[in-house]
Structures are given as C-alpha cells and as structure tokens.
Amino acid sequence: MSKVKVVGGWEFYMSMTRLFGGIQVIRMRYGLHRQDGRGMTLQDLSAAYGLTKERIRQLEESALHKLRRHKSVLTAHLPLPSPA
C-alpha cells in the first residue's frame, strides 16, 4: 500500500496544478470558473487557447482520467458528509 502525502492550502493547489495540467480546461469547460456556472464549448476554449477543438478535447480527457485515477488524493481534501 502506497502512502499519500496530504497537503493543504497553496501547496495543495500547486500540487494539483502540476498533477493536472488540463485543470484549467476542466474548470472552464464545466463552468467552475464562473459565478453562473456556465461552461464553455470546445469551440470557445479552442479560440481562447489558440488550439484545435480536438486538442482541447484531448486535454480534457487526460485531466479527467488523472482525476479518476487520483480520486483518493482529492477526496482527502473534501468535507465529509455529516451523519443523518
């Protein structure tokens, strides 16, 4: 069983940024960067980053794959639901 280093605050943010290079694409694609929660289309993101829609899709898929693979690291920093 491997040990996971638990970090918080800025160190956690920087770790996640390094680990998930496509995190900004995920934030913008699913509207996590906006108050109204509206996500951006592949076309919008490709124009913003100057990349093709296919490359944006690849970055999104890669970041989602990494999130799924490392979900134990992420869940360590999420609040636990209170017992009913």
C-alpha atoms as a PDB file:
ATOM      1  CA  MET A   1       0.000   0.000   0.000  1.00  0.00           C
ATOM      2  CA  SER A   2       1.479   3.350  -1.019  1.00  0.00           C
ATOM      3  CA  LYS A   3       1.463   6.359   1.254  1.00  0.00           C
ATOM      4  CA  VAL A   4      -0.207   9.570   0.111  1.00  0.00           C
ATOM      5  CA  LYS A   5       1.220  12.904   1.232  1.00  0.00           C
ATOM      6  CA  VAL A   6      -1.629  15.068   2.492  1.00  0.00           C
ATOM      7  CA  VAL A   7      -1.111  18.784   1.943  1.00  0.00           C
ATOM      8  CA  GLY A   8      -3.307  21.831   2.286  1.00  0.00           C
ATOM      9  CA  GLY A   9      -3.816  25.353   1.031  1.00  0.00           C
ATOM     10  CA  TRP A  10      -1.399  26.737  -1.531  1.00  0.00           C
ATOM     11  CA  GLU A  11       0.743  23.594  -1.539  1.00  0.00           C
ATOM     12  CA  PHE A  12      -2.328  21.514  -2.387  1.00  0.00           C
ATOM     13  CA  TYR A  13      -3.314  23.900  -5.170  1.00  0.00           C
ATOM     14  CA  MET A  14       0.168  23.810  -6.707  1.00  0.00           C
ATOM     15  CA  SER A  15       0.322  20.008  -6.431  1.00  0.00           C
ATOM     16  CA  MET A  16      -2.970  19.699  -8.255  1.00  0.00           C
ATOM     17  CA  THR A  17      -1.861  22.193 -10.904  1.00  0.00           C
ATOM     18  CA  ARG A  18       1.288  20.187 -11.579  1.00  0.00           C
ATOM     19  CA  LEU A  19      -0.564  16.885 -11.474  1.00  0.00           C
ATOM     20  CA  PHE A  20      -3.422  18.024 -13.672  1.00  0.00           C
ATOM     21  CA  GLY A  21      -2.081  20.255 -16.424  1.00  0.00           C
ATOM     22  CA  GLY A  22      -5.543  20.378 -18.011  1.00  0.00           C
ATOM     23  CA  ILE A  23      -7.278  21.507 -14.832  1.00  0.00           C
ATOM     24  CA  GLN A  24      -7.926  24.986 -16.237  1.00  0.00           C
ATOM     25  CA  VAL A  25      -9.585  23.403 -19.271  1.00  0.00           C
ATOM     26  CA  ILE A  26     -11.808  21.368 -16.925  1.00  0.00           C
ATOM     27  CA  ARG A  27     -12.689  24.461 -14.870  1.00  0.00           C
ATOM     28  CA  MET A  28     -13.671  26.425 -17.951  1.00  0.00           C
ATOM     29  CA  ARG A  29     -15.366  23.547 -19.767  1.00  0.00           C
ATOM     30  CA  TYR A  30     -17.694  22.812 -16.833  1.00  0.00           C
ATOM     31  CA  GLY A  31     -18.217  26.404 -15.675  1.00  0.00           C
ATOM     32  CA  LEU A  32     -16.313  26.128 -12.402  1.00  0.00           C
ATOM     33  CA  HIS A  33     -14.623  29.463 -13.158  1.00  0.00           C
ATOM     34  CA  ARG A  34     -17.875  31.452 -13.329  1.00  0.00           C
ATOM     35  CA  GLN A  35     -20.455  32.549 -10.798  1.00  0.00           C
ATOM     36  CA  ASP A  36     -23.329  31.465 -13.067  1.00  0.00           C
ATOM     37  CA  GLY A  37     -21.741  28.041 -13.668  1.00  0.00           C
ATOM     38  CA  ARG A  38     -21.995  28.218 -17.464  1.00  0.00           C
ATOM     39  CA  GLY A  39     -19.367  26.107 -19.147  1.00  0.00           C
ATOM     40  CA  MET A  40     -17.545  26.901 -22.360  1.00  0.00           C
ATOM     41  CA  THR A  41     -17.819  24.917 -25.573  1.00  0.00           C
ATOM     42  CA  LEU A  42     -14.868  23.231 -27.228  1.00  0.00           C
ATOM     43  CA  GLN A  43     -15.068  25.971 -29.863  1.00  0.00           C
ATOM     44  CA  ASP A  44     -14.870  28.717 -27.207  1.00  0.00           C
ATOM     45  CA  LEU A  45     -11.916  27.056 -25.498  1.00  0.00           C
ATOM     46  CA  SER A  46     -10.080  26.446 -28.759  1.00  0.00           C
ATOM     47  CA  ALA A  47     -10.404  30.143 -29.606  1.00  0.00           C
ATOM     48  CA  ALA A  48      -9.267  31.192 -26.111  1.00  0.00           C
ATOM     49  CA  TYR A  49      -6.189  28.946 -26.111  1.00  0.00           C
ATOM     50  CA  GLY A  50      -5.382  29.051 -29.812  1.00  0.00           C
ATOM     51  CA  LEU A  51      -5.614  25.254 -30.038  1.00  0.00           C
ATOM     52  CA  THR A  52      -7.804  22.954 -32.101  1.00  0.00           C
ATOM     53  CA  LYS A  53     -11.035  21.603 -30.662  1.00  0.00           C
ATOM     54  CA  GLU A  54      -9.512  18.124 -30.840  1.00  0.00           C
ATOM     55  CA  ARG A  55      -6.512  19.189 -28.720  1.00  0.00           C
ATOM     56  CA  ILE A  56      -8.836  20.772 -26.133  1.00  0.00           C
ATOM     57  CA  ARG A  57     -10.845  17.526 -26.065  1.00  0.00           C
ATOM     58  CA  GLN A  58      -7.615  15.554 -25.529  1.00  0.00           C
ATOM     59  CA  LEU A  59      -6.545  17.828 -22.653  1.00  0.00           C
ATOM     60  CA  GLU A  60      -9.989  17.475 -21.076  1.00  0.00           C
ATOM     61  CA  GLU A  61      -9.938  13.688 -21.392  1.00  0.00           C
ATOM     62  CA  SER A  62      -6.415  13.471 -19.976  1.00  0.00           C
ATOM     63  CA  ALA A  63      -7.307  15.644 -16.974  1.00  0.00           C
ATOM     64  CA  LEU A  64     -10.491  13.658 -16.286  1.00  0.00           C
ATOM     65  CA  HIS A  65      -8.519  10.412 -16.475  1.00  0.00           C
ATOM     66  CA  LYS A  66      -5.998  11.759 -13.952  1.00  0.00           C
ATOM     67  CA  LEU A  67      -8.788  12.941 -11.650  1.00  0.00           C
ATOM     68  CA  ARG A  68     -10.365   9.492 -11.696  1.00  0.00           C
ATOM     69  CA  ARG A  69      -7.022   7.776 -11.125  1.00  0.00           C
ATOM     70  CA  HIS A  70      -6.101  10.029  -8.174  1.00  0.00           C
ATOM     71  CA  LYS A  71      -9.518  10.445  -6.574  1.00  0.00           C
ATOM     72  CA  SER A  72      -8.216   9.319  -3.150  1.00  0.00           C
ATOM     73  CA  VAL A  73      -5.934  12.387  -3.038  1.00  0.00           C
ATOM     74  CA  LEU A  74      -8.842  14.667  -3.887  1.00  0.00           C
ATOM     75  CA  THR A  75     -11.351  13.093  -1.502  1.00  0.00           C
ATOM     76  CA  ALA A  76      -8.884  13.569   1.369  1.00  0.00           C
ATOM     77  CA  HIS A  77      -9.483  17.334   0.964  1.00  0.00           C
ATOM     78  CA  LEU A  78     -13.270  17.281   0.596  1.00  0.00           C
ATOM     79  CA  PRO A  79     -15.528  17.773   3.596  1.00  0.00           C
ATOM     80  CA  LEU A  80     -17.169  14.565   4.770  1.00  0.00           C
ATOM     81  CA  PRO A  81     -20.981  14.495   4.786  1.00  0.00           C
ATOM     82  CA  SER A  82     -22.459  14.846   8.248  1.00  0.00           C
ATOM     83  CA  PRO A  83     -24.217  11.759   9.633  1.00  0.00           C
ATOM     84  CA  ALA A  84     -28.006  11.831   9.345  1.00  0.00           C
END
